[in-house]
Amino acid sequence: MKRLAVFLGAALVALAFALPALADDATPTPVGPYTAKKVDVMLYVDTITSTRGDVLQKRGCWQTSQFQRGNRVVWRMWAIDTATGKPLTDQELKYAYVKAPGSPNLAFSYGKHGKLDISPWFWTAVLAVPKDYPLGTVAFKVVVKTKDGKFGTFEQPADGASQLTIIP
């Protein structure tokens, strides 16, 4: 009898989840065409730690969004030409910079990171966070322009915990 009650209970739960999916008004509406803005240059941008600066961090190259005054914020970036799918190097970009409040534009430099033959190449820009830099989130913007006139921009979405933040 207990098994029958458990079986019937499970069947009722399954039916409760299935009924809305079977209803006429639950038919999914197709989405499309894809409505995102076409971009010429796609950017991947993150921030990582540095072992240099007035306030030293124990480990370098760790992805994080929280930095103290005196730390060095390192922006790491890869840029891709969306027409060709190829990574953009210093041979293709006219300029690349980070625009952060209270700071002059920070130029990116392109280089190999590591000593191995297979070490990756990417772009980096650095901000030594001044001792009087305002605490809180930093609404930065990354801008690139290729030598053939294509642009790419990145602005970090307002997502609390993942935003670049200067902490005490």
N, C-alpha and C. Protein backbone atom coordinates (compact mmCIF):
# COMPACT_ATOMS: atom_id res chain seq x y z
N MET A 1 0.82 -1.19 0.00
CA MET A 1 0.00 0.00 0.00
C MET A 1 0.86 1.25 0.00
N LYS A 2 1.99 1.22 0.80
CA LYS A 2 2.88 2.36 0.84
C LYS A 2 3.49 2.62 -0.53
N ARG A 3 3.88 1.54 -1.24
CA ARG A 3 4.48 1.67 -2.56
C ARG A 3 3.50 2.30 -3.54
N LEU A 4 2.25 1.92 -3.47
CA LEU A 4 1.23 2.47 -4.35
C LEU A 4 1.04 3.96 -4.07
N ALA A 5 1.04 4.34 -2.81
CA ALA A 5 0.89 5.75 -2.45
C ALA A 5 2.08 6.56 -2.95
N VAL A 6 3.31 6.04 -2.83
CA VAL A 6 4.50 6.72 -3.31
C VAL A 6 4.45 6.84 -4.83
N PHE A 7 4.04 5.76 -5.50
CA PHE A 7 3.94 5.76 -6.96
C PHE A 7 2.92 6.80 -7.42
N LEU A 8 1.74 6.83 -6.80
CA LEU A 8 0.70 7.79 -7.19
C LEU A 8 1.15 9.23 -6.90
N GLY A 9 1.84 9.42 -5.79
CA GLY A 9 2.36 10.76 -5.47
C GLY A 9 3.36 11.23 -6.51
N ALA A 10 4.25 10.34 -6.92
CA ALA A 10 5.25 10.68 -7.94
C ALA A 10 4.58 10.97 -9.27
N ALA A 11 3.54 10.20 -9.60
CA ALA A 11 2.81 10.42 -10.85
C ALA A 11 2.12 11.78 -10.84
N LEU A 12 1.53 12.17 -9.70
CA LEU A 12 0.88 13.47 -9.60
C LEU A 12 1.88 14.62 -9.74
N VAL A 13 3.05 14.47 -9.15
CA VAL A 13 4.08 15.51 -9.28
C VAL A 13 4.52 15.63 -10.73
N ALA A 14 4.75 14.50 -11.39
CA ALA A 14 5.15 14.52 -12.80
C ALA A 14 4.08 15.17 -13.66
N LEU A 15 2.81 14.86 -13.38
CA LEU A 15 1.69 15.44 -14.12
C LEU A 15 1.61 16.94 -13.90
N ALA A 16 1.89 17.38 -12.68
CA ALA A 16 1.85 18.81 -12.38
C ALA A 16 2.89 19.58 -13.19
N PHE A 17 4.04 18.96 -13.42
CA PHE A 17 5.07 19.61 -14.23
C PHE A 17 4.76 19.49 -15.72
N ALA A 18 4.13 18.42 -16.14
CA ALA A 18 3.88 18.19 -17.56
C ALA A 18 2.71 19.00 -18.10
N LEU A 19 1.68 19.25 -17.30
CA LEU A 19 0.49 19.95 -17.79
C LEU A 19 0.79 21.33 -18.38
N PRO A 20 1.55 22.18 -17.70
CA PRO A 20 1.82 23.49 -18.30
C PRO A 20 2.54 23.37 -19.64
N ALA A 21 3.42 22.39 -19.78
CA ALA A 21 4.14 22.22 -21.03
C ALA A 21 3.21 21.76 -22.15
N LEU A 22 2.13 21.09 -21.80
CA LEU A 22 1.20 20.59 -22.81
C LEU A 22 0.13 21.61 -23.17
N ALA A 23 -0.01 22.65 -22.40
CA ALA A 23 -1.04 23.66 -22.66
C ALA A 23 -0.71 24.43 -23.93
N ASP A 24 -1.76 24.91 -24.63
CA ASP A 24 -1.59 25.64 -25.88
C ASP A 24 -0.76 26.90 -25.69
N ASP A 25 -1.02 27.61 -24.60
CA ASP A 25 -0.32 28.88 -24.40
C ASP A 25 1.12 28.68 -23.92
N ALA A 26 1.56 27.45 -23.71
CA ALA A 26 2.93 27.19 -23.28
C ALA A 26 3.84 26.92 -24.46
N THR A 27 3.30 26.99 -25.69
CA THR A 27 4.12 26.76 -26.87
C THR A 27 5.17 27.85 -26.96
N PRO A 28 6.44 27.49 -27.03
CA PRO A 28 7.48 28.51 -27.07
C PRO A 28 7.40 29.34 -28.34
N THR A 29 7.61 30.62 -28.19
CA THR A 29 7.64 31.51 -29.34
C THR A 29 9.05 31.54 -29.88
N PRO A 30 9.20 31.28 -31.18
CA PRO A 30 10.55 31.31 -31.74
C PRO A 30 11.17 32.70 -31.61
N VAL A 31 12.43 32.72 -31.30
CA VAL A 31 13.15 33.98 -31.18
C VAL A 31 14.07 34.10 -32.38
N GLY A 32 14.07 35.22 -33.00
CA GLY A 32 14.97 35.40 -34.13
C GLY A 32 14.43 36.45 -35.05
N PRO A 33 15.17 36.89 -35.98
CA PRO A 33 16.58 36.54 -36.10
C PRO A 33 17.37 37.11 -34.94
N TYR A 34 18.61 36.65 -34.79
CA TYR A 34 19.46 37.11 -33.71
C TYR A 34 19.56 38.63 -33.79
N THR A 35 19.26 39.30 -32.69
CA THR A 35 19.12 40.74 -32.72
C THR A 35 20.30 41.50 -32.13
N ALA A 36 21.38 40.83 -31.80
CA ALA A 36 22.53 41.53 -31.23
C ALA A 36 23.18 42.43 -32.28
N LYS A 37 23.79 43.50 -31.81
CA LYS A 37 24.49 44.41 -32.69
C LYS A 37 25.69 43.71 -33.30
N LYS A 38 25.87 43.85 -34.61
CA LYS A 38 27.03 43.26 -35.27
C LYS A 38 28.27 44.03 -34.86
N VAL A 39 29.30 43.31 -34.52
CA VAL A 39 30.55 43.94 -34.14
C VAL A 39 31.65 43.51 -35.08
N ASP A 40 32.58 44.41 -35.35
CA ASP A 40 33.72 44.10 -36.21
C ASP A 40 34.85 43.43 -35.44
N VAL A 41 34.99 43.84 -34.18
CA VAL A 41 36.05 43.30 -33.34
C VAL A 41 35.43 42.85 -32.02
N MET A 42 35.58 41.56 -31.71
CA MET A 42 35.08 41.01 -30.46
C MET A 42 36.22 41.05 -29.44
N LEU A 43 35.89 41.49 -28.23
CA LEU A 43 36.90 41.58 -27.18
C LEU A 43 36.56 40.67 -26.02
N TYR A 44 37.56 39.99 -25.51
CA TYR A 44 37.46 39.31 -24.23
C TYR A 44 38.36 40.10 -23.29
N VAL A 45 37.81 40.56 -22.16
CA VAL A 45 38.56 41.37 -21.21
C VAL A 45 38.33 40.83 -19.81
N ASP A 46 39.39 40.72 -19.03
CA ASP A 46 39.25 40.42 -17.60
C ASP A 46 40.33 41.17 -16.84
N THR A 47 40.29 41.09 -15.52
CA THR A 47 41.30 41.73 -14.68
C THR A 47 41.97 40.66 -13.84
N ILE A 48 43.29 40.83 -13.69
CA ILE A 48 44.08 39.86 -12.94
C ILE A 48 45.02 40.58 -11.97
N THR A 49 45.54 39.82 -11.01
CA THR A 49 46.43 40.36 -10.00
C THR A 49 47.84 40.53 -10.54
N SER A 50 48.60 41.35 -9.84
CA SER A 50 50.01 41.58 -10.15
C SER A 50 50.80 41.42 -8.85
N THR A 51 52.02 40.94 -8.96
CA THR A 51 52.86 40.82 -7.76
C THR A 51 53.69 42.08 -7.54
N ARG A 52 53.42 43.12 -8.31
CA ARG A 52 54.10 44.41 -8.14
C ARG A 52 53.13 45.41 -7.56
N GLY A 53 53.66 46.53 -7.08
CA GLY A 53 52.82 47.58 -6.54
C GLY A 53 53.15 47.86 -5.09
N ASP A 54 52.54 48.93 -4.55
CA ASP A 54 52.79 49.32 -3.16
C ASP A 54 52.21 48.30 -2.19
N VAL A 55 51.03 47.77 -2.51
CA VAL A 55 50.40 46.73 -1.70
C VAL A 55 50.52 45.43 -2.50
N LEU A 56 51.40 44.56 -2.06
CA LEU A 56 51.69 43.35 -2.83
C LEU A 56 50.61 42.29 -2.67
N GLN A 57 50.34 41.62 -3.76
CA GLN A 57 49.44 40.47 -3.73
C GLN A 57 50.30 39.21 -3.75
N LYS A 58 49.82 38.18 -3.07
CA LYS A 58 50.63 36.97 -2.91
C LYS A 58 50.89 36.25 -4.23
N ARG A 59 49.92 36.30 -5.11
CA ARG A 59 50.04 35.58 -6.38
C ARG A 59 49.72 36.51 -7.53
N GLY A 60 50.45 36.34 -8.60
CA GLY A 60 50.20 37.14 -9.80
C GLY A 60 49.36 36.36 -10.80
N CYS A 61 48.73 37.09 -11.68
CA CYS A 61 47.94 36.52 -12.78
C CYS A 61 46.72 35.73 -12.32
N TRP A 62 46.18 36.06 -11.16
CA TRP A 62 44.94 35.43 -10.69
C TRP A 62 43.79 36.32 -11.08
N GLN A 63 42.79 35.75 -11.70
CA GLN A 63 41.63 36.52 -12.13
C GLN A 63 40.83 36.95 -10.90
N THR A 64 40.57 38.25 -10.81
CA THR A 64 39.79 38.79 -9.71
C THR A 64 39.20 40.11 -10.15
N SER A 65 38.22 40.57 -9.39
CA SER A 65 37.62 41.88 -9.68
C SER A 65 37.82 42.83 -8.51
N GLN A 66 38.46 42.38 -7.44
CA GLN A 66 38.62 43.23 -6.26
C GLN A 66 40.09 43.57 -6.03
N PHE A 67 40.33 44.87 -5.90
CA PHE A 67 41.68 45.37 -5.72
C PHE A 67 41.68 46.42 -4.62
N GLN A 68 42.78 46.50 -3.88
CA GLN A 68 42.94 47.52 -2.84
C GLN A 68 43.70 48.70 -3.42
N ARG A 69 43.57 49.83 -2.75
CA ARG A 69 44.42 50.96 -3.10
C ARG A 69 45.87 50.50 -2.93
N GLY A 70 46.72 50.85 -3.87
CA GLY A 70 48.11 50.42 -3.82
C GLY A 70 48.38 49.15 -4.63
N ASN A 71 47.34 48.38 -4.95
CA ASN A 71 47.50 47.22 -5.84
C ASN A 71 47.68 47.72 -7.27
N ARG A 72 48.08 46.80 -8.12
CA ARG A 72 48.10 47.08 -9.56
C ARG A 72 47.01 46.23 -10.20
N VAL A 73 46.11 46.89 -10.91
CA VAL A 73 45.08 46.20 -11.70
C VAL A 73 45.68 45.93 -13.06
N VAL A 74 45.63 44.68 -13.49
CA VAL A 74 46.11 44.33 -14.83
C VAL A 74 44.90 43.90 -15.64
N TRP A 75 44.65 44.62 -16.73
CA TRP A 75 43.62 44.22 -17.68
C TRP A 75 44.28 43.30 -18.68
N ARG A 76 43.62 42.19 -18.95
CA ARG A 76 44.09 41.22 -19.92
C ARG A 76 43.04 41.17 -21.02
N MET A 77 43.48 41.18 -22.29
CA MET A 77 42.53 41.25 -23.38
C MET A 77 42.98 40.41 -24.57
N TRP A 78 42.00 39.82 -25.23
CA TRP A 78 42.18 39.22 -26.53
C TRP A 78 41.20 39.91 -27.46
N ALA A 79 41.62 40.20 -28.68
CA ALA A 79 40.77 40.85 -29.68
C ALA A 79 40.70 39.94 -30.90
N ILE A 80 39.47 39.76 -31.41
CA ILE A 80 39.25 38.87 -32.55
C ILE A 80 38.55 39.63 -33.67
N ASP A 81 39.05 39.52 -34.89
CA ASP A 81 38.37 40.08 -36.06
C ASP A 81 37.21 39.15 -36.38
N THR A 82 35.98 39.65 -36.26
CA THR A 82 34.82 38.76 -36.43
C THR A 82 34.62 38.33 -37.88
N ALA A 83 35.17 39.06 -38.84
CA ALA A 83 35.03 38.66 -40.24
C ALA A 83 35.92 37.48 -40.58
N THR A 84 37.09 37.42 -39.95
CA THR A 84 38.04 36.34 -40.26
C THR A 84 38.16 35.31 -39.16
N GLY A 85 37.79 35.69 -37.92
CA GLY A 85 37.94 34.80 -36.78
C GLY A 85 39.36 34.76 -36.24
N LYS A 86 40.23 35.63 -36.74
CA LYS A 86 41.63 35.61 -36.33
C LYS A 86 41.90 36.57 -35.18
N PRO A 87 42.79 36.16 -34.25
CA PRO A 87 43.20 37.06 -33.18
C PRO A 87 43.95 38.26 -33.76
N LEU A 88 43.75 39.43 -33.16
CA LEU A 88 44.41 40.64 -33.62
C LEU A 88 45.65 40.90 -32.77
N THR A 89 46.76 41.12 -33.43
CA THR A 89 48.04 41.36 -32.77
C THR A 89 48.42 42.83 -32.91
N ASP A 90 49.62 43.15 -32.48
CA ASP A 90 50.10 44.52 -32.63
C ASP A 90 50.30 44.90 -34.09
N GLN A 91 50.31 43.92 -34.98
CA GLN A 91 50.44 44.20 -36.41
C GLN A 91 49.13 44.71 -37.01
N GLU A 92 48.00 44.38 -36.39
CA GLU A 92 46.70 44.76 -36.94
C GLU A 92 46.03 45.93 -36.21
N LEU A 93 46.38 46.16 -34.95
CA LEU A 93 45.71 47.21 -34.20
C LEU A 93 46.45 48.54 -34.29
N LYS A 94 45.67 49.61 -34.51
CA LYS A 94 46.23 50.96 -34.50
C LYS A 94 46.40 51.42 -33.06
N TYR A 95 45.37 51.15 -32.23
CA TYR A 95 45.47 51.46 -30.81
C TYR A 95 44.51 50.60 -30.01
N ALA A 96 44.83 50.49 -28.72
CA ALA A 96 43.99 49.78 -27.75
C ALA A 96 44.25 50.42 -26.39
N TYR A 97 43.17 50.79 -25.71
CA TYR A 97 43.36 51.42 -24.40
C TYR A 97 42.18 51.15 -23.48
N VAL A 98 42.44 51.35 -22.16
CA VAL A 98 41.41 51.28 -21.13
C VAL A 98 41.14 52.71 -20.70
N LYS A 99 39.87 53.04 -20.62
CA LYS A 99 39.44 54.35 -20.12
C LYS A 99 38.81 54.08 -18.75
N ALA A 100 39.48 54.55 -17.68
CA ALA A 100 38.99 54.35 -16.31
C ALA A 100 38.85 55.71 -15.63
N PRO A 101 37.81 55.90 -14.84
CA PRO A 101 37.62 57.19 -14.17
C PRO A 101 38.84 57.59 -13.33
N GLY A 102 39.19 58.87 -13.41
CA GLY A 102 40.29 59.38 -12.59
C GLY A 102 41.67 58.97 -13.06
N SER A 103 41.77 58.48 -14.29
CA SER A 103 43.05 58.02 -14.80
C SER A 103 43.17 58.42 -16.27
N PRO A 104 44.39 58.72 -16.73
CA PRO A 104 44.53 58.93 -18.18
C PRO A 104 44.27 57.60 -18.88
N ASN A 105 44.02 57.64 -20.19
CA ASN A 105 43.83 56.39 -20.94
C ASN A 105 45.07 55.51 -20.76
N LEU A 106 44.84 54.23 -20.50
CA LEU A 106 45.90 53.27 -20.26
C LEU A 106 46.11 52.43 -21.50
N ALA A 107 47.25 52.59 -22.15
CA ALA A 107 47.53 51.88 -23.39
C ALA A 107 47.78 50.40 -23.13
N PHE A 108 47.23 49.55 -24.00
CA PHE A 108 47.51 48.12 -23.96
C PHE A 108 48.81 47.86 -24.71
N SER A 109 49.55 46.86 -24.26
CA SER A 109 50.71 46.37 -25.01
C SER A 109 50.48 44.89 -25.28
N TYR A 110 51.04 44.43 -26.39
CA TYR A 110 50.85 43.05 -26.83
C TYR A 110 52.13 42.29 -26.60
N GLY A 111 52.03 41.10 -26.03
CA GLY A 111 53.23 40.32 -25.82
C GLY A 111 52.96 38.91 -25.37
N LYS A 112 54.04 38.14 -25.35
CA LYS A 112 53.99 36.75 -24.91
C LYS A 112 54.06 36.74 -23.39
N HIS A 113 53.27 35.88 -22.77
CA HIS A 113 53.23 35.81 -21.31
C HIS A 113 53.62 34.41 -20.87
N GLY A 114 54.87 34.29 -20.53
CA GLY A 114 55.44 33.01 -20.14
C GLY A 114 56.70 32.74 -20.97
N LYS A 115 57.47 31.75 -20.52
CA LYS A 115 58.75 31.46 -21.17
C LYS A 115 58.70 30.23 -22.07
N LEU A 116 57.60 29.51 -22.03
CA LEU A 116 57.49 28.29 -22.84
C LEU A 116 57.16 28.64 -24.29
N ASP A 117 57.49 27.74 -25.21
CA ASP A 117 57.13 27.96 -26.61
C ASP A 117 55.62 28.08 -26.79
N ILE A 118 54.86 27.40 -25.93
CA ILE A 118 53.40 27.41 -26.05
C ILE A 118 52.73 28.47 -25.18
N SER A 119 53.53 29.36 -24.57
CA SER A 119 52.95 30.42 -23.73
C SER A 119 52.07 31.32 -24.59
N PRO A 120 50.95 31.80 -24.01
CA PRO A 120 50.00 32.60 -24.80
C PRO A 120 50.48 34.04 -25.03
N TRP A 121 49.98 34.62 -26.11
CA TRP A 121 50.19 36.02 -26.43
C TRP A 121 48.86 36.73 -26.18
N PHE A 122 48.90 37.87 -25.50
CA PHE A 122 47.69 38.67 -25.31
C PHE A 122 48.07 40.10 -24.96
N TRP A 123 47.04 40.92 -24.84
CA TRP A 123 47.19 42.34 -24.56
C TRP A 123 47.07 42.59 -23.06
N THR A 124 47.87 43.54 -22.52
CA THR A 124 47.74 43.92 -21.11
C THR A 124 47.86 45.44 -20.96
N ALA A 125 47.15 45.96 -19.97
CA ALA A 125 47.25 47.36 -19.55
C ALA A 125 47.23 47.35 -18.03
N VAL A 126 47.89 48.32 -17.42
CA VAL A 126 48.06 48.31 -15.95
C VAL A 126 47.68 49.65 -15.35
N LEU A 127 46.99 49.58 -14.21
CA LEU A 127 46.71 50.77 -13.41
C LEU A 127 47.24 50.52 -12.00
N ALA A 128 48.18 51.36 -11.58
CA ALA A 128 48.62 51.35 -10.19
C ALA A 128 47.57 52.17 -9.43
N VAL A 129 46.76 51.49 -8.62
CA VAL A 129 45.64 52.16 -7.94
C VAL A 129 46.20 53.15 -6.92
N PRO A 130 45.94 54.46 -7.12
CA PRO A 130 46.45 55.46 -6.17
C PRO A 130 45.84 55.27 -4.78
N LYS A 131 46.57 55.75 -3.77
CA LYS A 131 46.12 55.63 -2.37
C LYS A 131 44.82 56.39 -2.11
N ASP A 132 44.51 57.39 -2.95
CA ASP A 132 43.29 58.18 -2.76
C ASP A 132 42.20 57.84 -3.78
N TYR A 133 42.36 56.73 -4.50
CA TYR A 133 41.35 56.35 -5.51
C TYR A 133 40.03 56.06 -4.80
N PRO A 134 38.91 56.52 -5.35
CA PRO A 134 37.62 56.28 -4.69
C PRO A 134 37.31 54.79 -4.54
N LEU A 135 36.75 54.43 -3.40
CA LEU A 135 36.32 53.05 -3.17
C LEU A 135 35.04 52.80 -3.96
N GLY A 136 34.82 51.55 -4.34
CA GLY A 136 33.59 51.18 -5.05
C GLY A 136 33.89 50.66 -6.44
N THR A 137 32.82 50.49 -7.22
CA THR A 137 32.97 49.92 -8.56
C THR A 137 33.60 50.93 -9.51
N VAL A 138 34.32 50.40 -10.49
CA VAL A 138 35.01 51.21 -11.48
C VAL A 138 34.41 50.90 -12.84
N ALA A 139 33.72 51.87 -13.41
CA ALA A 139 33.07 51.69 -14.72
C ALA A 139 34.08 51.97 -15.82
N PHE A 140 34.87 50.97 -16.17
CA PHE A 140 35.90 51.16 -17.19
C PHE A 140 35.36 50.78 -18.57
N LYS A 141 36.07 51.24 -19.59
CA LYS A 141 35.72 50.93 -20.97
C LYS A 141 37.01 50.62 -21.72
N VAL A 142 36.98 49.59 -22.56
CA VAL A 142 38.12 49.24 -23.41
C VAL A 142 37.75 49.60 -24.84
N VAL A 143 38.67 50.25 -25.54
CA VAL A 143 38.44 50.68 -26.92
C VAL A 143 39.62 50.22 -27.77
N VAL A 144 39.32 49.62 -28.92
CA VAL A 144 40.37 49.25 -29.87
C VAL A 144 39.97 49.73 -31.26
N LYS A 145 40.99 50.02 -32.07
CA LYS A 145 40.78 50.36 -33.47
C LYS A 145 41.84 49.65 -34.29
N THR A 146 41.40 48.99 -35.35
CA THR A 146 42.34 48.30 -36.21
C THR A 146 42.93 49.29 -37.22
N LYS A 147 44.01 48.89 -37.85
CA LYS A 147 44.65 49.73 -38.86
C LYS A 147 43.77 49.92 -40.08
N ASP A 148 42.81 48.99 -40.29
CA ASP A 148 41.89 49.15 -41.43
C ASP A 148 40.56 49.78 -41.01
N GLY A 149 40.51 50.41 -39.83
CA GLY A 149 39.36 51.22 -39.45
C GLY A 149 38.23 50.53 -38.71
N LYS A 150 38.40 49.30 -38.28
CA LYS A 150 37.37 48.60 -37.52
C LYS A 150 37.51 48.94 -36.03
N PHE A 151 36.38 48.98 -35.33
CA PHE A 151 36.39 49.29 -33.91
C PHE A 151 35.85 48.14 -33.08
N GLY A 152 36.28 48.10 -31.85
CA GLY A 152 35.73 47.18 -30.86
C GLY A 152 35.71 47.90 -29.52
N THR A 153 34.66 47.67 -28.74
CA THR A 153 34.58 48.25 -27.40
C THR A 153 34.08 47.21 -26.42
N PHE A 154 34.44 47.41 -25.17
CA PHE A 154 33.96 46.55 -24.10
C PHE A 154 33.66 47.42 -22.90
N GLU A 155 32.46 47.26 -22.36
CA GLU A 155 32.09 47.89 -21.10
C GLU A 155 31.58 46.79 -20.19
N GLN A 156 32.15 46.70 -19.01
CA GLN A 156 31.78 45.63 -18.10
C GLN A 156 30.33 45.79 -17.66
N PRO A 157 29.52 44.72 -17.79
CA PRO A 157 28.13 44.79 -17.34
C PRO A 157 28.04 45.08 -15.85
N ALA A 158 27.02 45.81 -15.47
CA ALA A 158 26.78 46.12 -14.05
C ALA A 158 26.26 44.87 -13.36
N ASP A 159 27.16 44.12 -12.78
CA ASP A 159 26.81 42.84 -12.16
C ASP A 159 27.48 42.70 -10.81
N GLY A 160 27.33 43.72 -9.98
CA GLY A 160 27.81 43.70 -8.61
C GLY A 160 29.12 42.99 -8.36
N ALA A 161 29.07 41.73 -7.99
CA ALA A 161 30.24 40.99 -7.52
C ALA A 161 31.31 40.81 -8.59
N SER A 162 30.94 40.85 -9.86
CA SER A 162 31.95 40.63 -10.89
C SER A 162 32.55 41.92 -11.43
N GLN A 163 32.03 43.08 -11.03
CA GLN A 163 32.57 44.34 -11.50
C GLN A 163 33.88 44.66 -10.83
N LEU A 164 34.76 45.35 -11.57
CA LEU A 164 35.99 45.83 -10.97
C LEU A 164 35.64 46.73 -9.80
N THR A 165 36.17 46.41 -8.63
CA THR A 165 35.84 47.14 -7.41
C THR A 165 37.09 47.44 -6.62
N ILE A 166 37.20 48.69 -6.17
CA ILE A 166 38.29 49.07 -5.28
C ILE A 166 37.76 48.94 -3.86
N ILE A 167 38.46 48.13 -3.07
CA ILE A 167 38.02 47.83 -1.70
C ILE A 167 39.03 48.40 -0.69
N PRO A 168 38.61 48.58 0.59
CA PRO A 168 39.55 49.11 1.60
C PRO A 168 40.73 48.18 1.83
